């Protein structure tokens, strides 16, 4: 707790921030992190928009967000809006052949906040 005294001699008290749970955002009404998968064994060269079109247009999956660590990363995280969409994506993407690579898909753990 920090006490501050202003010019008119009133004491103001400010609570210090408590240590927060880095996974607290998962308890909100909605977080796509709850419905995240990891897709592994991506081809050496691909574009993020190309991957997004594969998921949403060709395979008719309803991805919400796609995250990669770096360009042409061999894996990507894909978020969905609910369990059904996530489970359908895992089923469709597992062993799907794209650009000569057999993809692997599985549930991913939520990322902690910094």
N, C-alpha and C. Protein backbone atom coordinates (compact mmCIF):
# COMPACT_ATOMS: atom_id res chain seq x y z
N UNK A 1 0.85 -1.15 0.00
CA UNK A 1 0.00 0.00 0.00
C UNK A 1 0.91 1.23 0.00
N UNK A 2 0.53 2.26 -0.77
CA UNK A 2 1.32 3.48 -0.88
C UNK A 2 0.46 4.65 -0.42
N UNK A 3 1.02 5.48 0.46
CA UNK A 3 0.32 6.68 0.89
C UNK A 3 0.91 7.88 0.20
N UNK A 4 0.03 8.76 -0.28
CA UNK A 4 0.46 9.98 -0.96
C UNK A 4 -0.21 11.15 -0.27
N UNK A 5 0.56 12.19 -0.06
CA UNK A 5 0.01 13.39 0.56
C UNK A 5 -0.01 14.48 -0.50
N UNK A 6 -1.19 15.07 -0.73
CA UNK A 6 -1.25 16.13 -1.73
C UNK A 6 -1.05 17.49 -1.09
N UNK A 7 -1.18 18.54 -1.88
CA UNK A 7 -0.90 19.91 -1.43
C UNK A 7 -1.81 20.37 -0.30
N UNK A 8 -3.00 19.84 -0.19
CA UNK A 8 -3.93 20.28 0.84
C UNK A 8 -3.91 19.34 2.03
N UNK A 9 -2.85 18.63 2.23
CA UNK A 9 -2.62 17.75 3.38
C UNK A 9 -3.63 16.63 3.53
N UNK A 10 -4.23 16.20 2.44
CA UNK A 10 -5.11 15.03 2.49
C UNK A 10 -4.29 13.81 2.15
N UNK A 11 -4.49 12.75 2.88
CA UNK A 11 -3.77 11.51 2.60
C UNK A 11 -4.57 10.67 1.62
N UNK A 12 -3.93 10.26 0.56
CA UNK A 12 -4.55 9.38 -0.42
C UNK A 12 -3.87 8.03 -0.33
N UNK A 13 -4.64 6.99 -0.36
CA UNK A 13 -4.08 5.65 -0.26
C UNK A 13 -4.32 4.91 -1.58
N UNK A 14 -3.26 4.30 -2.09
CA UNK A 14 -3.35 3.54 -3.34
C UNK A 14 -2.87 2.13 -3.04
N UNK A 15 -3.69 1.16 -3.39
CA UNK A 15 -3.29 -0.24 -3.21
C UNK A 15 -2.29 -0.63 -4.28
N UNK A 16 -1.25 -1.35 -3.88
CA UNK A 16 -0.27 -1.86 -4.85
C UNK A 16 -0.92 -3.00 -5.62
N UNK A 17 -0.52 -3.15 -6.87
CA UNK A 17 -1.11 -4.27 -7.63
C UNK A 17 -0.68 -5.61 -7.05
N UNK A 18 -1.64 -6.51 -6.97
CA UNK A 18 -1.36 -7.85 -6.45
C UNK A 18 -0.82 -8.70 -7.59
N UNK A 19 -0.16 -9.77 -7.24
CA UNK A 19 0.27 -10.70 -8.27
C UNK A 19 -0.97 -11.30 -8.91
N UNK A 20 -1.02 -11.21 -10.23
CA UNK A 20 -2.20 -11.71 -10.93
C UNK A 20 -1.92 -13.08 -11.53
N UNK A 21 -2.96 -13.85 -11.65
CA UNK A 21 -2.88 -15.15 -12.28
C UNK A 21 -2.70 -14.94 -13.78
N UNK A 22 -1.62 -15.47 -14.39
CA UNK A 22 -1.40 -15.23 -15.82
C UNK A 22 -2.44 -15.91 -16.72
N UNK A 23 -3.27 -16.78 -16.15
CA UNK A 23 -4.32 -17.45 -16.91
C UNK A 23 -5.71 -16.93 -16.55
N UNK A 24 -5.79 -15.82 -15.85
CA UNK A 24 -7.08 -15.29 -15.40
C UNK A 24 -8.00 -14.94 -16.57
N UNK A 25 -7.43 -14.55 -17.70
CA UNK A 25 -8.25 -14.19 -18.85
C UNK A 25 -9.10 -15.35 -19.37
N UNK A 26 -8.73 -16.57 -19.01
CA UNK A 26 -9.50 -17.74 -19.45
C UNK A 26 -10.84 -17.83 -18.75
N UNK A 27 -10.99 -17.15 -17.62
CA UNK A 27 -12.23 -17.20 -16.86
C UNK A 27 -13.26 -16.18 -17.34
N UNK A 28 -12.88 -15.34 -18.28
CA UNK A 28 -13.83 -14.35 -18.82
C UNK A 28 -14.94 -15.08 -19.57
N UNK A 29 -15.93 -14.29 -20.01
CA UNK A 29 -17.04 -14.88 -20.77
C UNK A 29 -16.56 -15.61 -22.01
N UNK A 30 -15.60 -15.02 -22.74
CA UNK A 30 -15.10 -15.67 -23.95
C UNK A 30 -13.62 -15.39 -24.14
N UNK A 31 -12.88 -16.40 -24.46
CA UNK A 31 -11.49 -16.27 -24.88
C UNK A 31 -11.25 -17.39 -25.89
N UNK A 32 -10.79 -17.01 -27.08
CA UNK A 32 -10.54 -18.03 -28.10
C UNK A 32 -9.38 -18.93 -27.70
N UNK A 33 -8.60 -18.53 -26.69
CA UNK A 33 -7.51 -19.37 -26.19
C UNK A 33 -8.04 -20.68 -25.63
N UNK A 34 -9.30 -20.69 -25.20
CA UNK A 34 -9.91 -21.92 -24.69
C UNK A 34 -10.14 -22.94 -25.80
N UNK A 35 -10.15 -22.48 -27.04
CA UNK A 35 -10.47 -23.34 -28.18
C UNK A 35 -9.33 -23.32 -29.20
N UNK A 36 -8.11 -23.43 -28.71
CA UNK A 36 -6.92 -23.32 -29.54
C UNK A 36 -6.35 -24.69 -29.87
N UNK A 37 -5.85 -24.82 -31.11
CA UNK A 37 -5.15 -26.04 -31.51
C UNK A 37 -3.76 -25.66 -32.03
N UNK A 38 -2.90 -26.64 -32.08
CA UNK A 38 -1.60 -26.46 -32.71
C UNK A 38 -1.58 -27.36 -33.94
N UNK A 39 -1.14 -26.78 -35.06
CA UNK A 39 -1.01 -27.53 -36.30
C UNK A 39 0.48 -27.65 -36.57
N UNK A 40 0.97 -28.89 -36.61
CA UNK A 40 2.39 -29.14 -36.78
C UNK A 40 2.67 -29.71 -38.17
N UNK A 41 3.96 -29.71 -38.52
CA UNK A 41 4.46 -30.26 -39.77
C UNK A 41 3.98 -29.47 -40.99
N UNK A 42 3.92 -28.15 -40.83
CA UNK A 42 3.56 -27.29 -41.96
C UNK A 42 4.69 -27.29 -42.98
N UNK A 43 4.40 -27.03 -44.25
CA UNK A 43 5.45 -27.04 -45.27
C UNK A 43 6.50 -25.96 -45.02
N UNK A 44 7.64 -26.12 -45.67
CA UNK A 44 8.75 -25.19 -45.47
C UNK A 44 8.39 -23.78 -45.92
N UNK A 45 7.67 -23.67 -47.02
CA UNK A 45 7.27 -22.36 -47.54
C UNK A 45 5.76 -22.28 -47.67
N UNK A 46 5.16 -21.35 -46.98
CA UNK A 46 3.72 -21.09 -47.08
C UNK A 46 3.47 -19.67 -46.60
N UNK A 47 2.40 -19.11 -47.07
CA UNK A 47 2.00 -17.79 -46.62
C UNK A 47 0.89 -17.91 -45.58
N UNK A 48 0.86 -16.98 -44.66
CA UNK A 48 -0.17 -17.01 -43.61
C UNK A 48 -1.57 -16.88 -44.23
N UNK A 49 -1.70 -15.99 -45.21
CA UNK A 49 -3.00 -15.84 -45.87
C UNK A 49 -3.36 -17.09 -46.66
N UNK A 50 -2.37 -17.74 -47.23
CA UNK A 50 -2.59 -18.99 -47.96
C UNK A 50 -3.10 -20.07 -46.99
N UNK A 51 -2.50 -20.13 -45.80
CA UNK A 51 -2.92 -21.08 -44.78
C UNK A 51 -4.33 -20.76 -44.29
N UNK A 52 -4.62 -19.48 -44.11
CA UNK A 52 -5.96 -19.05 -43.67
C UNK A 52 -7.01 -19.45 -44.70
N UNK A 53 -6.70 -19.25 -46.00
CA UNK A 53 -7.64 -19.64 -47.06
C UNK A 53 -7.85 -21.15 -47.08
N UNK A 54 -6.79 -21.91 -46.87
CA UNK A 54 -6.92 -23.37 -46.80
C UNK A 54 -7.91 -23.75 -45.71
N UNK A 55 -7.73 -23.16 -44.53
CA UNK A 55 -8.59 -23.51 -43.40
C UNK A 55 -10.04 -23.07 -43.61
N UNK A 56 -10.23 -21.80 -43.94
CA UNK A 56 -11.58 -21.24 -43.95
C UNK A 56 -12.35 -21.45 -45.25
N UNK A 57 -11.67 -21.44 -46.38
CA UNK A 57 -12.38 -21.57 -47.66
C UNK A 57 -12.38 -23.00 -48.19
N UNK A 58 -11.21 -23.60 -48.31
CA UNK A 58 -11.15 -24.95 -48.88
C UNK A 58 -11.69 -26.00 -47.93
N UNK A 59 -11.25 -25.97 -46.66
CA UNK A 59 -11.67 -26.99 -45.70
C UNK A 59 -12.93 -26.61 -44.92
N UNK A 60 -13.42 -25.40 -45.12
CA UNK A 60 -14.66 -24.92 -44.47
C UNK A 60 -14.60 -24.98 -42.95
N UNK A 61 -13.43 -24.63 -42.39
CA UNK A 61 -13.28 -24.54 -40.94
C UNK A 61 -13.48 -23.09 -40.55
N UNK A 62 -13.91 -22.83 -39.35
CA UNK A 62 -14.22 -21.46 -38.92
C UNK A 62 -13.15 -20.95 -37.97
N UNK A 63 -11.94 -20.76 -38.49
CA UNK A 63 -10.87 -20.27 -37.61
C UNK A 63 -11.11 -18.81 -37.26
N UNK A 64 -10.76 -18.47 -36.04
CA UNK A 64 -10.94 -17.13 -35.51
C UNK A 64 -9.64 -16.34 -35.58
N UNK A 65 -8.53 -17.00 -35.30
CA UNK A 65 -7.23 -16.35 -35.23
C UNK A 65 -6.15 -17.37 -35.53
N UNK A 66 -5.11 -16.93 -36.24
CA UNK A 66 -3.96 -17.79 -36.54
C UNK A 66 -2.71 -17.08 -36.05
N UNK A 67 -1.89 -17.81 -35.28
CA UNK A 67 -0.67 -17.22 -34.73
C UNK A 67 0.52 -18.12 -35.08
N UNK A 68 1.60 -17.48 -35.52
CA UNK A 68 2.85 -18.21 -35.74
C UNK A 68 3.95 -17.48 -34.98
N UNK A 69 5.02 -18.18 -34.70
CA UNK A 69 6.14 -17.60 -33.98
C UNK A 69 6.99 -16.74 -34.91
N UNK A 70 7.18 -17.23 -36.13
CA UNK A 70 7.95 -16.50 -37.14
C UNK A 70 7.44 -16.92 -38.51
N UNK A 71 7.90 -16.24 -39.52
CA UNK A 71 7.50 -16.55 -40.89
C UNK A 71 7.95 -17.97 -41.26
N UNK A 72 7.06 -18.68 -41.94
CA UNK A 72 7.32 -20.07 -42.37
C UNK A 72 7.69 -21.00 -41.23
N UNK A 73 7.12 -20.78 -40.09
CA UNK A 73 7.33 -21.64 -38.93
C UNK A 73 6.70 -23.01 -39.22
N UNK A 74 7.31 -24.11 -38.77
CA UNK A 74 6.76 -25.44 -39.06
C UNK A 74 5.50 -25.77 -38.25
N UNK A 75 5.07 -24.86 -37.40
CA UNK A 75 3.81 -25.07 -36.67
C UNK A 75 3.09 -23.74 -36.50
N UNK A 76 1.79 -23.80 -36.27
CA UNK A 76 0.97 -22.60 -36.07
C UNK A 76 -0.11 -22.90 -35.05
N UNK A 77 -0.53 -21.87 -34.36
CA UNK A 77 -1.65 -21.98 -33.42
C UNK A 77 -2.88 -21.40 -34.11
N UNK A 78 -3.99 -22.13 -34.02
CA UNK A 78 -5.23 -21.70 -34.64
C UNK A 78 -6.31 -21.70 -33.57
N UNK A 79 -7.00 -20.57 -33.43
CA UNK A 79 -8.06 -20.43 -32.42
C UNK A 79 -9.43 -20.50 -33.08
N UNK A 80 -10.38 -21.03 -32.33
CA UNK A 80 -11.76 -21.17 -32.80
C UNK A 80 -12.70 -20.56 -31.76
N UNK A 81 -13.98 -20.48 -32.09
CA UNK A 81 -14.95 -19.85 -31.20
C UNK A 81 -15.65 -20.83 -30.25
N UNK A 82 -15.54 -22.12 -30.52
CA UNK A 82 -16.21 -23.09 -29.64
C UNK A 82 -15.58 -24.48 -29.78
N UNK A 83 -15.99 -25.38 -28.89
CA UNK A 83 -15.47 -26.76 -28.86
C UNK A 83 -15.74 -27.50 -30.16
N UNK A 84 -16.96 -27.34 -30.70
CA UNK A 84 -17.34 -28.08 -31.90
C UNK A 84 -16.44 -27.72 -33.08
N UNK A 85 -16.20 -26.41 -33.28
CA UNK A 85 -15.33 -25.97 -34.39
C UNK A 85 -13.91 -26.47 -34.19
N UNK A 86 -13.43 -26.41 -32.94
CA UNK A 86 -12.07 -26.88 -32.65
C UNK A 86 -11.94 -28.38 -32.91
N UNK A 87 -12.90 -29.16 -32.43
CA UNK A 87 -12.84 -30.61 -32.61
C UNK A 87 -12.96 -31.01 -34.08
N UNK A 88 -13.80 -30.30 -34.83
CA UNK A 88 -13.93 -30.56 -36.26
C UNK A 88 -12.60 -30.28 -36.96
N UNK A 89 -11.93 -29.18 -36.58
CA UNK A 89 -10.65 -28.82 -37.19
C UNK A 89 -9.59 -29.88 -36.92
N UNK A 90 -9.55 -30.38 -35.70
CA UNK A 90 -8.57 -31.42 -35.36
C UNK A 90 -8.82 -32.66 -36.22
N UNK A 91 -10.08 -33.03 -36.37
CA UNK A 91 -10.43 -34.21 -37.16
C UNK A 91 -10.06 -34.02 -38.63
N UNK A 92 -10.37 -32.85 -39.19
CA UNK A 92 -10.11 -32.59 -40.61
C UNK A 92 -8.61 -32.43 -40.88
N UNK A 93 -7.90 -31.72 -40.02
CA UNK A 93 -6.49 -31.42 -40.26
C UNK A 93 -5.54 -32.58 -39.95
N UNK A 94 -5.92 -33.43 -39.02
CA UNK A 94 -5.05 -34.56 -38.68
C UNK A 94 -4.86 -35.44 -39.90
N UNK A 95 -3.61 -35.61 -40.28
CA UNK A 95 -3.22 -36.41 -41.45
C UNK A 95 -3.64 -35.81 -42.79
N UNK A 96 -4.05 -34.53 -42.81
CA UNK A 96 -4.35 -33.85 -44.07
C UNK A 96 -3.04 -33.58 -44.80
N UNK A 97 -3.00 -33.83 -46.09
CA UNK A 97 -1.80 -33.62 -46.88
C UNK A 97 -1.85 -32.24 -47.53
N UNK A 98 -0.87 -31.38 -47.23
CA UNK A 98 -0.81 -30.03 -47.82
C UNK A 98 0.62 -29.77 -48.27
N UNK A 99 0.78 -29.53 -49.55
CA UNK A 99 2.09 -29.25 -50.14
C UNK A 99 3.11 -30.35 -49.83
N UNK A 100 2.66 -31.59 -49.90
CA UNK A 100 3.55 -32.71 -49.66
C UNK A 100 3.85 -33.00 -48.20
N UNK A 101 3.20 -32.32 -47.28
CA UNK A 101 3.40 -32.54 -45.84
C UNK A 101 2.12 -33.05 -45.22
N UNK A 102 2.25 -34.06 -44.37
CA UNK A 102 1.10 -34.59 -43.65
C UNK A 102 0.97 -33.82 -42.34
N UNK A 103 -0.10 -33.03 -42.21
CA UNK A 103 -0.28 -32.17 -41.04
C UNK A 103 -0.70 -32.98 -39.83
N UNK A 104 -0.36 -32.45 -38.67
CA UNK A 104 -0.78 -33.02 -37.39
C UNK A 104 -1.48 -31.91 -36.60
N UNK A 105 -2.63 -32.20 -36.04
CA UNK A 105 -3.37 -31.21 -35.27
C UNK A 105 -3.77 -31.79 -33.92
N UNK A 106 -3.66 -30.97 -32.89
CA UNK A 106 -4.05 -31.39 -31.54
C UNK A 106 -4.39 -30.15 -30.69
N UNK A 107 -5.08 -30.39 -29.58
CA UNK A 107 -5.41 -29.29 -28.68
C UNK A 107 -4.12 -28.66 -28.16
N UNK A 108 -4.14 -27.34 -27.98
CA UNK A 108 -2.98 -26.63 -27.46
C UNK A 108 -3.31 -26.01 -26.12
N UNK A 109 -2.31 -25.85 -25.29
CA UNK A 109 -2.48 -25.20 -24.00
C UNK A 109 -2.60 -23.69 -24.20
N UNK A 110 -3.34 -23.04 -23.31
CA UNK A 110 -3.48 -21.59 -23.39
C UNK A 110 -2.17 -20.91 -23.05
N UNK A 111 -1.93 -19.77 -23.65
CA UNK A 111 -0.71 -19.02 -23.39
C UNK A 111 -0.91 -18.12 -22.18
N UNK A 112 0.09 -18.01 -21.30
CA UNK A 112 -0.03 -17.09 -20.15
C UNK A 112 0.16 -15.66 -20.63
N UNK A 113 -0.43 -14.71 -19.88
CA UNK A 113 -0.20 -13.30 -20.20
C UNK A 113 1.13 -12.88 -19.58
N UNK A 114 1.67 -11.84 -20.08
CA UNK A 114 2.99 -11.39 -19.59
C UNK A 114 2.84 -10.39 -18.49
